């Protein structure tokens, strides 16, 4: 008795797609070594006076975080270094992210760039982007004649 085997050309599609995804997730290849580009998760909220960006940067020192503004582009960047080099070969698993990170945000014309502040507490960076006075909502009293 012979078996009929049907050919499915898309049978390996999911494994190929997984390989392509892993290829792009591996990170940036530098001339010295391969360093994974880590992501920085943020929450952004707005009220009538300001926009607040809260960014997760756990395990960082305040001096290792950079905030730059150039042409209305706010960039938060830094580098989380692997500090246990002497025991590097003894780790069974390393799941925490190390390496450089960077996120940029386009600021609108309503941001008062001269009054931007930043605070770092318990692994969370909070950047306050105050609005210009003329950009804040205001109410106008209607007068009756």
C-alpha atoms as a PDB file:
ATOM      1  CA  UNK A   1       0.000   0.000   0.000  1.00  0.00           C
ATOM      2  CA  UNK A   2       1.393   3.403  -0.914  1.00  0.00           C
ATOM      3  CA  UNK A   3       0.853   6.654   0.929  1.00  0.00           C
ATOM      4  CA  UNK A   4      -0.121   9.868  -0.754  1.00  0.00           C
ATOM      5  CA  UNK A   5       1.871  12.819   0.486  1.00  0.00           C
ATOM      6  CA  UNK A   6       0.631  16.219  -0.501  1.00  0.00           C
ATOM      7  CA  UNK A   7       3.096  18.994  -1.100  1.00  0.00           C
ATOM      8  CA  UNK A   8       2.432  22.210   0.794  1.00  0.00           C
ATOM      9  CA  UNK A   9       4.652  25.067  -0.484  1.00  0.00           C
ATOM     10  CA  UNK A  10       3.825  27.204   2.581  1.00  0.00           C
ATOM     11  CA  UNK A  11       4.669  24.487   5.091  1.00  0.00           C
ATOM     12  CA  UNK A  12       7.874  26.161   6.238  1.00  0.00           C
ATOM     13  CA  UNK A  13       6.630  29.714   5.943  1.00  0.00           C
ATOM     14  CA  UNK A  14       6.261  30.212   9.699  1.00  0.00           C
ATOM     15  CA  UNK A  15       9.751  28.944  10.453  1.00  0.00           C
ATOM     16  CA  UNK A  16      11.240  31.186   7.747  1.00  0.00           C
ATOM     17  CA  UNK A  17       9.287  34.153   9.115  1.00  0.00           C
ATOM     18  CA  UNK A  18      10.606  33.359  12.603  1.00  0.00           C
ATOM     19  CA  UNK A  19      14.175  33.279  11.308  1.00  0.00           C
ATOM     20  CA  UNK A  20      13.743  36.631   9.575  1.00  0.00           C
ATOM     21  CA  UNK A  21      12.279  38.151  12.759  1.00  0.00           C
ATOM     22  CA  UNK A  22      15.209  36.816  14.820  1.00  0.00           C
ATOM     23  CA  UNK A  23      17.648  38.245  12.273  1.00  0.00           C
ATOM     24  CA  UNK A  24      16.244  41.758  12.738  1.00  0.00           C
ATOM     25  CA  UNK A  25      16.007  41.401  16.542  1.00  0.00           C
ATOM     26  CA  UNK A  26      19.673  40.507  16.956  1.00  0.00           C
ATOM     27  CA  UNK A  27      20.743  44.131  16.998  1.00  0.00           C
ATOM     28  CA  UNK A  28      23.326  46.344  15.453  1.00  0.00           C
ATOM     29  CA  UNK A  29      26.642  44.907  14.323  1.00  0.00           C
ATOM     30  CA  UNK A  30      29.433  47.238  15.362  1.00  0.00           C
ATOM     31  CA  UNK A  31      33.073  46.924  14.373  1.00  0.00           C
ATOM     32  CA  UNK A  32      34.080  45.793  17.879  1.00  0.00           C
ATOM     33  CA  UNK A  33      31.268  43.440  18.841  1.00  0.00           C
ATOM     34  CA  UNK A  34      27.600  42.802  18.445  1.00  0.00           C
ATOM     35  CA  UNK A  35      25.471  44.842  20.802  1.00  0.00           C
ATOM     36  CA  UNK A  36      21.746  44.413  21.178  1.00  0.00           C
ATOM     37  CA  UNK A  37      19.751  47.578  20.759  1.00  0.00           C
ATOM     38  CA  UNK A  38      17.469  47.620  23.733  1.00  0.00           C
ATOM     39  CA  UNK A  39      14.100  49.233  23.835  1.00  0.00           C
ATOM     40  CA  UNK A  40      12.923  51.785  26.341  1.00  0.00           C
ATOM     41  CA  UNK A  41       9.247  51.624  27.233  1.00  0.00           C
ATOM     42  CA  UNK A  42       7.515  54.964  27.739  1.00  0.00           C
ATOM     43  CA  UNK A  43       4.179  56.369  28.844  1.00  0.00           C
ATOM     44  CA  UNK A  44       3.199  59.778  27.473  1.00  0.00           C
ATOM     45  CA  UNK A  45       0.358  61.841  28.903  1.00  0.00           C
ATOM     46  CA  UNK A  46      -0.824  65.372  28.368  1.00  0.00           C
ATOM     47  CA  UNK A  47      -2.800  67.843  30.407  1.00  0.00           C
ATOM     48  CA  UNK A  48      -3.552  71.521  29.847  1.00  0.00           C
ATOM     49  CA  UNK A  49      -0.154  72.655  31.196  1.00  0.00           C
ATOM     50  CA  UNK A  50       2.378  70.073  30.025  1.00  0.00           C
ATOM     51  CA  UNK A  51       3.257  66.771  28.399  1.00  0.00           C
ATOM     52  CA  UNK A  52       4.862  64.159  30.643  1.00  0.00           C
ATOM     53  CA  UNK A  53       7.076  61.356  29.330  1.00  0.00           C
ATOM     54  CA  UNK A  54       7.777  58.526  31.777  1.00  0.00           C
ATOM     55  CA  UNK A  55      10.498  56.138  30.618  1.00  0.00           C
ATOM     56  CA  UNK A  56      11.572  52.849  32.197  1.00  0.00           C
ATOM     57  CA  UNK A  57      15.350  52.817  32.642  1.00  0.00           C
ATOM     58  CA  UNK A  58      15.894  50.361  35.518  1.00  0.00           C
ATOM     59  CA  UNK A  59      19.327  49.793  36.947  1.00  0.00           C
ATOM     60  CA  UNK A  60      20.740  52.978  35.466  1.00  0.00           C
ATOM     61  CA  UNK A  61      22.728  55.646  37.213  1.00  0.00           C
ATOM     62  CA  UNK A  62      21.529  59.201  36.732  1.00  0.00           C
ATOM     63  CA  UNK A  63      24.813  60.138  35.027  1.00  0.00           C
ATOM     64  CA  UNK A  64      24.377  57.352  32.412  1.00  0.00           C
ATOM     65  CA  UNK A  65      21.196  58.909  30.984  1.00  0.00           C
ATOM     66  CA  UNK A  66      21.398  61.673  28.368  1.00  0.00           C
ATOM     67  CA  UNK A  67      18.598  64.011  27.318  1.00  0.00           C
ATOM     68  CA  UNK A  68      19.185  66.238  24.292  1.00  0.00           C
ATOM     69  CA  UNK A  69      17.009  68.645  22.346  1.00  0.00           C
ATOM     70  CA  UNK A  70      17.925  69.621  18.802  1.00  0.00           C
ATOM     71  CA  UNK A  71      15.568  71.167  16.234  1.00  0.00           C
ATOM     72  CA  UNK A  72      12.491  70.283  18.325  1.00  0.00           C
ATOM     73  CA  UNK A  73      13.614  66.641  18.609  1.00  0.00           C
ATOM     74  CA  UNK A  74      13.893  65.327  22.177  1.00  0.00           C
ATOM     75  CA  UNK A  75      16.250  62.340  22.444  1.00  0.00           C
ATOM     76  CA  UNK A  76      16.650  60.178  25.537  1.00  0.00           C
ATOM     77  CA  UNK A  77      19.670  57.905  25.334  1.00  0.00           C
ATOM     78  CA  UNK A  78      22.183  56.032  27.428  1.00  0.00           C
ATOM     79  CA  UNK A  79      23.985  52.770  27.898  1.00  0.00           C
ATOM     80  CA  UNK A  80      23.378  49.986  30.390  1.00  0.00           C
ATOM     81  CA  UNK A  81      26.662  48.186  30.913  1.00  0.00           C
ATOM     82  CA  UNK A  82      27.160  44.595  31.949  1.00  0.00           C
ATOM     83  CA  UNK A  83      29.196  45.056  35.126  1.00  0.00           C
ATOM     84  CA  UNK A  84      29.957  41.473  36.171  1.00  0.00           C
ATOM     85  CA  UNK A  85      32.669  40.810  33.576  1.00  0.00           C
ATOM     86  CA  UNK A  86      34.706  38.602  35.928  1.00  0.00           C
ATOM     87  CA  UNK A  87      31.853  36.021  36.153  1.00  0.00           C
ATOM     88  CA  UNK A  88      30.640  36.462  32.562  1.00  0.00           C
ATOM     89  CA  UNK A  89      31.318  32.838  31.558  1.00  0.00           C
ATOM     90  CA  UNK A  90      29.524  31.410  34.602  1.00  0.00           C
ATOM     91  CA  UNK A  91      26.049  32.744  33.805  1.00  0.00           C
ATOM     92  CA  UNK A  92      23.433  30.188  32.773  1.00  0.00           C
ATOM     93  CA  UNK A  93      21.030  32.796  31.440  1.00  0.00           C
ATOM     94  CA  UNK A  94      21.164  36.544  30.801  1.00  0.00           C
ATOM     95  CA  UNK A  95      17.726  37.968  30.041  1.00  0.00           C
ATOM     96  CA  UNK A  96      18.143  41.560  31.154  1.00  0.00           C
ATOM     97  CA  UNK A  97      19.023  43.985  28.377  1.00  0.00           C
ATOM     98  CA  UNK A  98      22.441  45.582  28.154  1.00  0.00           C
ATOM     99  CA  UNK A  99      23.876  48.000  25.655  1.00  0.00           C
ATOM    100  CA  UNK A 100      22.936  51.329  24.164  1.00  0.00           C
ATOM    101  CA  UNK A 101      19.413  52.638  23.957  1.00  0.00           C
ATOM    102  CA  UNK A 102      17.853  55.689  22.377  1.00  0.00           C
ATOM    103  CA  UNK A 103      14.347  57.041  21.805  1.00  0.00           C
ATOM    104  CA  UNK A 104      13.465  60.281  20.040  1.00  0.00           C
ATOM    105  CA  UNK A 105      10.279  62.308  20.189  1.00  0.00           C
ATOM    106  CA  UNK A 106       9.278  65.140  17.864  1.00  0.00           C
ATOM    107  CA  UNK A 107       8.199  68.148  19.907  1.00  0.00           C
ATOM    108  CA  UNK A 108       5.450  70.378  18.640  1.00  0.00           C
ATOM    109  CA  UNK A 109       5.658  74.169  18.556  1.00  0.00           C
ATOM    110  CA  UNK A 110       3.655  74.490  21.769  1.00  0.00           C
ATOM    111  CA  UNK A 111       6.489  73.188  24.002  1.00  0.00           C
ATOM    112  CA  UNK A 112       8.420  75.700  26.092  1.00  0.00           C
ATOM    113  CA  UNK A 113      11.873  74.208  25.451  1.00  0.00           C
ATOM    114  CA  UNK A 114      13.586  76.473  28.006  1.00  0.00           C
ATOM    115  CA  UNK A 115      11.520  75.073  30.892  1.00  0.00           C
ATOM    116  CA  UNK A 116      11.871  71.322  30.268  1.00  0.00           C
ATOM    117  CA  UNK A 117      12.768  69.399  33.426  1.00  0.00           C
ATOM    118  CA  UNK A 118      13.741  65.798  34.136  1.00  0.00           C
ATOM    119  CA  UNK A 119      13.729  63.697  37.309  1.00  0.00           C
ATOM    120  CA  UNK A 120      14.914  60.137  37.937  1.00  0.00           C
ATOM    121  CA  UNK A 121      13.477  58.014  40.717  1.00  0.00           C
ATOM    122  CA  UNK A 122      13.381  54.220  41.271  1.00  0.00           C
ATOM    123  CA  UNK A 123      14.278  53.370  37.683  1.00  0.00           C
ATOM    124  CA  UNK A 124      11.756  55.727  36.094  1.00  0.00           C
ATOM    125  CA  UNK A 125      12.818  58.849  34.218  1.00  0.00           C
ATOM    126  CA  UNK A 126      10.164  61.571  34.092  1.00  0.00           C
ATOM    127  CA  UNK A 127      10.562  64.380  31.568  1.00  0.00           C
ATOM    128  CA  UNK A 128       8.158  67.318  31.872  1.00  0.00           C
ATOM    129  CA  UNK A 129       7.551  69.347  28.719  1.00  0.00           C
ATOM    130  CA  UNK A 130       5.674  72.506  29.758  1.00  0.00           C
ATOM    131  CA  UNK A 131       3.485  74.250  27.218  1.00  0.00           C
ATOM    132  CA  UNK A 132       3.956  77.851  26.140  1.00  0.00           C
ATOM    133  CA  UNK A 133       1.467  80.230  27.757  1.00  0.00           C
ATOM    134  CA  UNK A 134      -0.156  81.059  24.422  1.00  0.00           C
ATOM    135  CA  UNK A 135      -0.707  77.346  23.755  1.00  0.00           C
ATOM    136  CA  UNK A 136      -2.559  76.655  27.011  1.00  0.00           C
ATOM    137  CA  UNK A 137      -6.335  76.483  26.823  1.00  0.00           C
ATOM    138  CA  UNK A 138      -8.166  79.464  28.178  1.00  0.00           C
ATOM    139  CA  UNK A 139     -11.758  80.453  28.495  1.00  0.00           C
ATOM    140  CA  UNK A 140     -13.162  83.711  27.236  1.00  0.00           C
ATOM    141  CA  UNK A 141     -15.988  85.376  29.067  1.00  0.00           C
ATOM    142  CA  UNK A 142     -18.929  86.237  26.840  1.00  0.00           C
ATOM    143  CA  UNK A 143     -20.306  89.680  27.607  1.00  0.00           C
ATOM    144  CA  UNK A 144     -23.945  90.510  27.136  1.00  0.00           C
ATOM    145  CA  UNK A 145     -24.913  94.032  26.032  1.00  0.00           C
END
